[in-house]
C-alpha atoms as a PDB file:
ATOM      1  CA  MET A   1      14.285 -15.263  -9.366  1.00  0.00           C
ATOM      2  CA  LEU A   2      11.572 -12.732  -9.487  1.00  0.00           C
ATOM      3  CA  ARG A   3      11.395 -10.284 -12.643  1.00  0.00           C
ATOM      4  CA  GLU A   4      12.046  -7.427 -10.136  1.00  0.00           C
ATOM      5  CA  GLU A   5      15.127  -9.075  -8.742  1.00  0.00           C
ATOM      6  CA  ARG A   6      16.427  -9.692 -12.285  1.00  0.00           C
ATOM      7  CA  THR A   7      15.866  -6.140 -13.276  1.00  0.00           C
ATOM      8  CA  GLU A   8      17.925  -4.867 -10.101  1.00  0.00           C
ATOM      9  CA  ARG A   9      20.566  -7.543 -10.819  1.00  0.00           C
ATOM     10  CA  ILE A  10      20.921  -6.649 -14.492  1.00  0.00           C
ATOM     11  CA  LEU A  11      20.737  -2.733 -13.926  1.00  0.00           C
ATOM     12  CA  GLN A  12      23.519  -2.886 -11.272  1.00  0.00           C
ATOM     13  CA  TYR A  13      25.661  -4.953 -13.545  1.00  0.00           C
ATOM     14  CA  VAL A  14      25.331  -2.894 -16.643  1.00  0.00           C
ATOM     15  CA  THR A  15      25.788   0.415 -14.755  1.00  0.00           C
ATOM     16  CA  GLN A  16      28.896  -1.040 -13.038  1.00  0.00           C
ATOM     17  CA  HIS A  17      30.508  -2.411 -16.157  1.00  0.00           C
ATOM     18  CA  GLY A  18      28.943  -0.218 -18.942  1.00  0.00           C
ATOM     19  CA  PHE A  19      27.891  -3.100 -21.167  1.00  0.00           C
ATOM     20  CA  ALA A  20      26.480  -6.661 -20.620  1.00  0.00           C
ATOM     21  CA  ARG A  21      26.344  -9.586 -23.275  1.00  0.00           C
ATOM     22  CA  ILE A  22      23.227 -11.681 -23.419  1.00  0.00           C
ATOM     23  CA  GLN A  23      25.272 -14.668 -22.178  1.00  0.00           C
ATOM     24  CA  GLU A  24      26.597 -12.745 -19.116  1.00  0.00           C
ATOM     25  CA  ILE A  25      22.857 -11.696 -18.241  1.00  0.00           C
ATOM     26  CA  MET A  26      21.754 -15.393 -18.569  1.00  0.00           C
ATOM     27  CA  GLU A  27      24.456 -16.579 -16.257  1.00  0.00           C
ATOM     28  CA  LEU A  28      23.955 -13.539 -13.792  1.00  0.00           C
ATOM     29  CA  CYS A  29      20.175 -14.305 -13.580  1.00  0.00           C
ATOM     30  CA  ASN A  30      20.241 -17.926 -14.378  1.00  0.00           C
ATOM     31  CA  VAL A  31      17.671 -17.628 -17.182  1.00  0.00           C
ATOM     32  CA  SER A  32      17.132 -18.688 -20.640  1.00  0.00           C
ATOM     33  CA  ARG A  33      18.233 -16.575 -23.707  1.00  0.00           C
ATOM     34  CA  PRO A  34      14.439 -15.663 -24.580  1.00  0.00           C
ATOM     35  CA  THR A  35      13.937 -14.630 -20.991  1.00  0.00           C
ATOM     36  CA  ALA A  36      16.963 -12.420 -20.995  1.00  0.00           C
ATOM     37  CA  VAL A  37      16.118 -10.765 -24.352  1.00  0.00           C
ATOM     38  CA  ARG A  38      12.588 -10.005 -22.975  1.00  0.00           C
ATOM     39  CA  ASP A  39      13.990  -8.524 -19.818  1.00  0.00           C
ATOM     40  CA  LEU A  40      16.215  -6.202 -21.832  1.00  0.00           C
ATOM     41  CA  ILE A  41      13.338  -5.309 -24.171  1.00  0.00           C
ATOM     42  CA  ARG A  42      11.147  -4.383 -21.118  1.00  0.00           C
ATOM     43  CA  MET A  43      14.042  -2.560 -19.335  1.00  0.00           C
ATOM     44  CA  GLU A  44      14.675  -0.491 -22.533  1.00  0.00           C
ATOM     45  CA  ASN A  45      11.063   0.525 -22.813  1.00  0.00           C
ATOM     46  CA  GLU A  46      11.315   1.712 -19.241  1.00  0.00           C
ATOM     47  CA  GLY A  47      14.256   3.821 -19.925  1.00  0.00           C
ATOM     48  CA  LEU A  48      16.709   1.849 -17.837  1.00  0.00           C
ATOM     49  CA  LEU A  49      19.141   0.782 -20.417  1.00  0.00           C
ATOM     50  CA  ILE A  50      19.824   0.829 -24.183  1.00  0.00           C
ATOM     51  CA  ARG A  51      19.774  -2.509 -26.140  1.00  0.00           C
ATOM     52  CA  THR A  52      22.693  -3.131 -28.430  1.00  0.00           C
ATOM     53  CA  HIS A  53      23.525  -5.981 -30.812  1.00  0.00           C
ATOM     54  CA  GLY A  54      24.209  -8.910 -28.552  1.00  0.00           C
ATOM     55  CA  GLY A  55      23.551  -7.229 -25.173  1.00  0.00           C
ATOM     56  CA  ALA A  56      22.878  -3.868 -23.594  1.00  0.00           C
ATOM     57  CA  ARG A  57      24.646  -0.797 -22.357  1.00  0.00           C
ATOM     58  CA  ALA A  58      24.297   1.520 -19.736  1.00  0.00           C
ATOM     59  CA  ILE A  59      22.641   5.062 -20.321  1.00  0.00           C
ATOM     60  CA  ARG A  60      24.942   6.726 -17.785  1.00  0.00           C
ATOM     61  CA  LYS A  61      27.838   6.167 -15.670  1.00  0.00           C
ATOM     62  CA  THR A  62      27.380   4.345 -12.495  1.00  0.00           C
ATOM     63  CA  ALA A  63      27.520   7.048  -9.923  1.00  0.00           C
ATOM     64  CA  THR A  64      25.389   9.360 -11.895  1.00  0.00           C
ATOM     65  CA  PHE A  65      22.740   6.726 -12.938  1.00  0.00           C
ATOM     66  CA  GLU A  66      19.253   7.400 -11.501  1.00  0.00           C
ATOM     67  CA  PRO A  67      16.358   5.097 -12.375  1.00  0.00           C
ATOM     68  CA  ARG A  68      13.147   6.529 -13.152  1.00  0.00           C
ATOM     69  CA  HIS A  69      10.405   6.956 -10.471  1.00  0.00           C
ATOM     70  CA  ARG A  70       8.256   4.002 -11.497  1.00  0.00           C
ATOM     71  CA  TRP A  71      11.089   1.530 -11.242  1.00  0.00           C
ATOM     72  CA  LYS A  72      12.354   2.986  -8.050  1.00  0.00           C
ATOM     73  CA  GLU A  73       9.142   2.731  -6.447  1.00  0.00           C
ATOM     74  CA  SER A  74       8.980  -1.097  -7.169  1.00  0.00           C
ATOM     75  CA  GLN A  75      12.330  -1.784  -5.478  1.00  0.00           C
ATOM     76  CA  HIS A  76      12.382  -3.032  -1.816  1.00  0.00           C
ATOM     77  CA  ALA A  77       8.664  -1.961  -1.755  1.00  0.00           C
ATOM     78  CA  GLU A  78       7.735  -4.050   1.531  1.00  0.00           C
ATOM     79  CA  GLU A  79      10.760  -2.656   3.381  1.00  0.00           C
ATOM     80  CA  LYS A  80       9.765   0.794   2.465  1.00  0.00           C
ATOM     81  CA  LYS A  81       6.244   0.445   3.617  1.00  0.00           C
ATOM     82  CA  LYS A  82       7.350  -0.854   6.910  1.00  0.00           C
ATOM     83  CA  ILE A  83       9.809   2.182   7.235  1.00  0.00           C
ATOM     84  CA  ALA A  84       7.026   4.815   6.400  1.00  0.00           C
ATOM     85  CA  ALA A  85       4.684   2.858   9.058  1.00  0.00           C
ATOM     86  CA  LEU A  86       7.463   3.392  11.419  1.00  0.00           C
ATOM     87  CA  ALA A  87       8.062   6.876  10.486  1.00  0.00           C
ATOM     88  CA  LYS A  88       4.495   7.836  10.913  1.00  0.00           C
ATOM     89  CA  GLU A  89       4.862   7.186  14.624  1.00  0.00           C
ATOM     90  CA  LEU A  90       7.077  10.254  14.991  1.00  0.00           C
ATOM     91  CA  VAL A  91       4.603  12.636  13.542  1.00  0.00           C
ATOM     92  CA  GLU A  92       2.484  14.353  16.184  1.00  0.00           C
ATOM     93  CA  GLU A  93      -0.582  16.585  15.897  1.00  0.00           C
ATOM     94  CA  GLY A  94       0.574  20.336  15.485  1.00  0.00           C
ATOM     95  CA  ASP A  95       3.682  19.258  13.725  1.00  0.00           C
ATOM     96  CA  THR A  96       5.118  21.140  10.798  1.00  0.00           C
ATOM     97  CA  VAL A  97       6.959  18.352   8.649  1.00  0.00           C
ATOM     98  CA  LEU A  98       8.699  18.388   5.446  1.00  0.00           C
ATOM     99  CA  LEU A  99       8.773  15.401   3.110  1.00  0.00           C
ATOM    100  CA  ASP A 100      11.544  15.356   0.758  1.00  0.00           C
ATOM    101  CA  SER A 101      10.953  13.919  -2.775  1.00  0.00           C
ATOM    102  CA  GLY A 102      11.253  10.162  -2.999  1.00  0.00           C
ATOM    103  CA  THR A 103       9.540   6.748  -3.141  1.00  0.00           C
ATOM    104  CA  THR A 104       9.768   6.011   0.645  1.00  0.00           C
ATOM    105  CA  THR A 105       8.641   9.581   1.639  1.00  0.00           C
ATOM    106  CA  LEU A 106       5.774   8.959  -0.877  1.00  0.00           C
ATOM    107  CA  MET A 107       4.904   5.934   1.004  1.00  0.00           C
ATOM    108  CA  LEU A 108       4.991   8.146   4.378  1.00  0.00           C
ATOM    109  CA  ALA A 109       2.639  10.453   2.838  1.00  0.00           C
ATOM    110  CA  ARG A 110       0.000   7.759   2.180  1.00  0.00           C
ATOM    111  CA  GLU A 111       0.401   6.958   6.008  1.00  0.00           C
ATOM    112  CA  LEU A 112      -0.235  10.607   6.794  1.00  0.00           C
ATOM    113  CA  ALA A 113      -3.197  11.016   4.484  1.00  0.00           C
ATOM    114  CA  SER A 114      -5.781  10.644   7.161  1.00  0.00           C
ATOM    115  CA  PHE A 115      -3.994  12.999   9.757  1.00  0.00           C
ATOM    116  CA  LYS A 116      -5.448  16.024  11.259  1.00  0.00           C
ATOM    117  CA  ASN A 117      -3.936  19.282  12.251  1.00  0.00           C
ATOM    118  CA  ILE A 118      -0.352  19.013  10.897  1.00  0.00           C
ATOM    119  CA  THR A 119       1.237  21.105   8.184  1.00  0.00           C
ATOM    120  CA  VAL A 120       3.282  19.184   5.513  1.00  0.00           C
ATOM    121  CA  ILE A 121       5.711  21.001   3.189  1.00  0.00           C
ATOM    122  CA  THR A 122       6.982  19.318   0.109  1.00  0.00           C
ATOM    123  CA  ASN A 123       8.693  19.639  -3.330  1.00  0.00           C
ATOM    124  CA  ASP A 124       7.213  16.383  -4.726  1.00  0.00           C
ATOM    125  CA  ILE A 125       4.167  16.541  -6.827  1.00  0.00           C
ATOM    126  CA  MET A 126       3.056  12.932  -6.024  1.00  0.00           C
ATOM    127  CA  ILE A 127       3.243  13.682  -2.318  1.00  0.00           C
ATOM    128  CA  ALA A 128       1.228  16.844  -2.784  1.00  0.00           C
ATOM    129  CA  MET A 129      -1.445  15.007  -4.737  1.00  0.00           C
ATOM    130  CA  THR A 130      -1.573  12.191  -2.195  1.00  0.00           C
ATOM    131  CA  LEU A 131      -2.446  14.774   0.697  1.00  0.00           C
ATOM    132  CA  SER A 132      -4.259  17.382  -1.173  1.00  0.00           C
ATOM    133  CA  ALA A 133      -7.836  15.680  -0.627  1.00  0.00           C
ATOM    134  CA  ASN A 134      -7.348  16.061   3.127  1.00  0.00           C
ATOM    135  CA  ASP A 135      -8.573  19.686   4.225  1.00  0.00           C
ATOM    136  CA  ASP A 136      -7.344  18.773   7.764  1.00  0.00           C
ATOM    137  CA  ILE A 137      -3.731  18.958   6.418  1.00  0.00           C
ATOM    138  CA  GLN A 138      -2.119  22.306   5.731  1.00  0.00           C
ATOM    139  CA  LEU A 139      -0.250  21.607   2.516  1.00  0.00           C
ATOM    140  CA  VAL A 140       2.641  23.710   1.372  1.00  0.00           C
ATOM    141  CA  MET A 141       3.873  23.061  -2.087  1.00  0.00           C
ATOM    142  CA  LEU A 142       7.420  24.278  -2.930  1.00  0.00           C
ATOM    143  CA  GLY A 143       7.426  25.602  -6.630  1.00  0.00           C
ATOM    144  CA  GLY A 144       9.996  25.036  -9.132  1.00  0.00           C
ATOM    145  CA  GLN A 145      10.962  23.204 -12.270  1.00  0.00           C
ATOM    146  CA  ARG A 146      10.139  19.534 -12.519  1.00  0.00           C
ATOM    147  CA  ARG A 147      13.080  17.173 -12.867  1.00  0.00           C
ATOM    148  CA  LYS A 148      12.830  14.755 -15.887  1.00  0.00           C
ATOM    149  CA  GLY A 149      11.704  11.196 -15.055  1.00  0.00           C
ATOM    150  CA  VAL A 150      10.555  11.996 -11.471  1.00  0.00           C
ATOM    151  CA  TYR A 151       8.145  14.116  -9.621  1.00  0.00           C
ATOM    152  CA  SER A 152      10.306  16.572  -7.731  1.00  0.00           C
ATOM    153  CA  LEU A 153      10.619  20.296  -8.055  1.00  0.00           C
ATOM    154  CA  ILE A 154      13.770  22.111  -7.971  1.00  0.00           C
ATOM    155  CA  GLY A 155      15.369  25.522  -8.322  1.00  0.00           C
ATOM    156  CA  PRO A 156      15.735  28.770  -6.662  1.00  0.00           C
ATOM    157  CA  PHE A 157      12.054  29.623  -5.977  1.00  0.00           C
ATOM    158  CA  ALA A 158      11.809  26.381  -3.831  1.00  0.00           C
ATOM    159  CA  GLU A 159      14.977  27.342  -1.920  1.00  0.00           C
ATOM    160  CA  MET A 160      14.037  30.867  -1.456  1.00  0.00           C
ATOM    161  CA  LEU A 161      10.784  29.659   0.100  1.00  0.00           C
ATOM    162  CA  LEU A 162      12.459  27.146   2.282  1.00  0.00           C
ATOM    163  CA  ASN A 163      14.677  29.723   3.846  1.00  0.00           C
ATOM    164  CA  GLN A 164      11.562  31.660   5.190  1.00  0.00           C
ATOM    165  CA  LEU A 165      10.111  28.434   6.977  1.00  0.00           C
ATOM    166  CA  ASN A 166      10.449  26.857  10.200  1.00  0.00           C
ATOM    167  CA  VAL A 167      10.242  22.750  10.198  1.00  0.00           C
ATOM    168  CA  ASP A 168       9.969  20.668  13.362  1.00  0.00           C
ATOM    169  CA  LYS A 169      10.846  17.485  11.450  1.00  0.00           C
ATOM    170  CA  ALA A 170      12.361  16.718   8.184  1.00  0.00           C
ATOM    171  CA  PHE A 171      11.895  13.216   6.405  1.00  0.00           C
ATOM    172  CA  ILE A 172      14.615  12.876   4.031  1.00  0.00           C
ATOM    173  CA  GLY A 173      15.675  10.375   1.322  1.00  0.00           C
ATOM    174  CA  ALA A 174      18.960   9.369  -0.094  1.00  0.00           C
ATOM    175  CA  ASP A 175      20.381   7.367  -3.002  1.00  0.00           C
ATOM    176  CA  SER A 176      23.469   6.194  -1.023  1.00  0.00           C
ATOM    177  CA  VAL A 177      24.720   6.281   2.683  1.00  0.00           C
ATOM    178  CA  ASP A 178      28.329   5.566   3.708  1.00  0.00           C
ATOM    179  CA  LEU A 179      30.058   6.086   7.051  1.00  0.00           C
ATOM    180  CA  ASN A 180      32.960   8.110   5.508  1.00  0.00           C
ATOM    181  CA  ARG A 181      31.406   9.748   2.593  1.00  0.00           C
ATOM    182  CA  GLY A 182      27.970  10.526   4.397  1.00  0.00           C
ATOM    183  CA  ILE A 183      24.781  10.816   2.380  1.00  0.00           C
ATOM    184  CA  THR A 184      25.092  10.997  -1.229  1.00  0.00           C
ATOM    185  CA  ASN A 185      22.911  11.470  -4.378  1.00  0.00           C
ATOM    186  CA  SER A 186      23.252  10.204  -7.968  1.00  0.00           C
ATOM    187  CA  ASN A 187      22.121  13.672  -9.169  1.00  0.00           C
ATOM    188  CA  ILE A 188      23.553  17.175  -8.446  1.00  0.00           C
ATOM    189  CA  GLU A 189      20.422  19.131  -9.280  1.00  0.00           C
ATOM    190  CA  GLU A 190      18.611  18.420  -5.872  1.00  0.00           C
ATOM    191  CA  ILE A 191      21.696  19.109  -3.610  1.00  0.00           C
ATOM    192  CA  THR A 192      21.451  22.623  -2.633  1.00  0.00           C
ATOM    193  CA  LEU A 193      17.584  22.014  -1.895  1.00  0.00           C
ATOM    194  CA  LYS A 194      18.471  19.084   0.325  1.00  0.00           C
ATOM    195  CA  LYS A 195      21.076  21.024   2.128  1.00  0.00           C
ATOM    196  CA  THR A 196      18.563  23.756   2.817  1.00  0.00           C
ATOM    197  CA  ILE A 197      16.222  21.235   4.199  1.00  0.00           C
ATOM    198  CA  LEU A 198      18.866  19.972   6.727  1.00  0.00           C
ATOM    199  CA  ASP A 199      19.510  23.580   7.824  1.00  0.00           C
ATOM    200  CA  ILE A 200      15.851  24.714   8.435  1.00  0.00           C
ATOM    201  CA  SER A 201      14.537  21.486  10.327  1.00  0.00           C
ATOM    202  CA  GLN A 202      14.936  21.002  13.983  1.00  0.00           C
ATOM    203  CA  ARG A 203      14.979  17.187  13.654  1.00  0.00           C
ATOM    204  CA  ASN A 204      16.384  15.559  10.536  1.00  0.00           C
ATOM    205  CA  ILE A 205      15.099  12.005   9.955  1.00  0.00           C
ATOM    206  CA  LEU A 206      16.646   9.889   7.122  1.00  0.00           C
ATOM    207  CA  LEU A 207      14.520   7.148   5.642  1.00  0.00           C
ATOM    208  CA  VAL A 208      16.568   4.516   3.669  1.00  0.00           C
ATOM    209  CA  ASP A 209      16.133   0.803   3.127  1.00  0.00           C
ATOM    210  CA  SER A 210      19.199  -1.228   3.992  1.00  0.00           C
ATOM    211  CA  SER A 211      20.348  -1.519   0.217  1.00  0.00           C
ATOM    212  CA  LYS A 212      21.428   1.994   0.503  1.00  0.00           C
ATOM    213  CA  PHE A 213      24.175   1.590   2.895  1.00  0.00           C
ATOM    214  CA  ASN A 214      27.783   1.200   2.241  1.00  0.00           C
ATOM    215  CA  ASN A 215      27.466   2.792  -1.190  1.00  0.00           C
ATOM    216  CA  VAL A 216      28.521   6.150  -2.579  1.00  0.00           C
ATOM    217  CA  GLY A 217      26.819   8.268  -5.114  1.00  0.00           C
ATOM    218  CA  PHE A 218      27.795  11.035  -7.529  1.00  0.00           C
ATOM    219  CA  VAL A 219      27.629  13.857  -5.210  1.00  0.00           C
ATOM    220  CA  LYS A 220      27.718  14.495  -1.429  1.00  0.00           C
ATOM    221  CA  VAL A 221      24.634  15.842   0.387  1.00  0.00           C
ATOM    222  CA  ALA A 222      25.823  16.104   4.137  1.00  0.00           C
ATOM    223  CA  ASP A 223      27.858  14.166   6.706  1.00  0.00           C
ATOM    224  CA  LEU A 224      25.820  11.599   8.806  1.00  0.00           C
ATOM    225  CA  ASP A 225      26.458  14.090  11.819  1.00  0.00           C
ATOM    226  CA  ARG A 226      23.593  16.237  10.275  1.00  0.00           C
ATOM    227  CA  ILE A 227      21.091  13.373  10.818  1.00  0.00           C
ATOM    228  CA  HIS A 228      19.416  12.761  14.070  1.00  0.00           C
ATOM    229  CA  THR A 229      17.400   9.574  13.385  1.00  0.00           C
ATOM    230  CA  ILE A 230      17.571   6.955  10.728  1.00  0.00           C
ATOM    231  CA  ILE A 231      14.714   4.617   9.958  1.00  0.00           C
ATOM    232  CA  THR A 232      15.631   1.340   7.922  1.00  0.00           C
ATOM    233  CA  ASP A 233      14.805  -2.432   7.842  1.00  0.00           C
ATOM    234  CA  GLY A 234      16.374  -5.248   9.473  1.00  0.00           C
ATOM    235  CA  GLY A 235      18.885  -5.822   6.728  1.00  0.00           C
ATOM    236  CA  ILE A 236      21.209  -3.409   8.424  1.00  0.00           C
ATOM    237  CA  ARG A 237      22.057  -5.863  10.767  1.00  0.00           C
ATOM    238  CA  HIS A 238      23.942  -7.818   8.075  1.00  0.00           C
ATOM    239  CA  LYS A 239      26.153  -4.835   7.204  1.00  0.00           C
ATOM    240  CA  ASP A 240      29.006  -5.917   9.462  1.00  0.00           C
ATOM    241  CA  SER A 241      29.184  -3.489  12.571  1.00  0.00           C
ATOM    242  CA  LEU A 242      27.320  -0.670  10.777  1.00  0.00           C
ATOM    243  CA  LEU A 243      24.499  -0.503  13.272  1.00  0.00           C
ATOM    244  CA  GLU A 244      26.840  -0.259  16.130  1.00  0.00           C
ATOM    245  CA  GLN A 245      29.031   2.338  14.383  1.00  0.00           C
ATOM    246  CA  LEU A 246      25.999   4.624  13.603  1.00  0.00           C
ATOM    247  CA  GLN A 247      24.829   4.293  17.463  1.00  0.00           C
ATOM    248  CA  GLU A 248      28.265   5.277  18.347  1.00  0.00           C
ATOM    249  CA  MET A 249      27.741   8.470  16.460  1.00  0.00           C
ATOM    250  CA  ASN A 250      24.808   9.092  18.657  1.00  0.00           C
ATOM    251  CA  ILE A 251      22.201   8.554  15.715  1.00  0.00           C
ATOM    252  CA  ASP A 252      18.975   7.190  16.756  1.00  0.00           C
ATOM    253  CA  VAL A 253      18.761   4.122  14.725  1.00  0.00           C
ATOM    254  CA  ARG A 254      15.149   2.646  14.385  1.00  0.00           C
ATOM    255  CA  ILE A 255      14.519  -0.599  12.518  1.00  0.00           C
ATOM    256  CA  ALA A 256      11.200  -1.489  11.069  1.00  0.00           C
ATOM    257  CA  HIS A 257       9.892  -4.963  11.179  1.00  0.00           C
END
């Protein structure tokens, strides 16, 4: 099992149970005790958990746990790159697009970095930096307070500016997606901003890898009927009848290969 896979499995177990013993981690990942200890030391250094005598405990409760940006970007990276490449095909010359904060939208920004004659609005510092070198892109940065551990700006200043803008297409990220609970996030701070994005955009496009489906986060962002298009990876085909149910809701589901 690769280190990234062990990290994700340990993190899920610890956040679900609140605590994990070394022996449990050894069995969970099929590794030796020294490897399990090294993994916990590394994860504690990355701010993902807290080591204790004989194991590790979660930093926060499951629903509200939000990994730091660096770790999130490394998870399902190949799927996210494919999703971003497919999403790029929806952007046309002359478009005004909004890129929500997140790791998949950051990859989309990298795909758009050489575009000409588009306007990009974002509240993500990393996305803005990625696009700022291209003078053929009109870049609008939403101001606000930076959230700890990530690169998004939030607050009333960003929301007030958003309400004055018109957007052709909004590319949105999410922590979790469920047919009944809709789009949910692990933190409450971004919710108002995300709701405003959905309100001002003509076309709402959700970018999520298939691991996000059939999960529920701490706070609801919106029902799925607010979304026009979902771009995901082939893993959605293994989520029982989820793909068919989304299509029955008249959501345009596109699968990146």
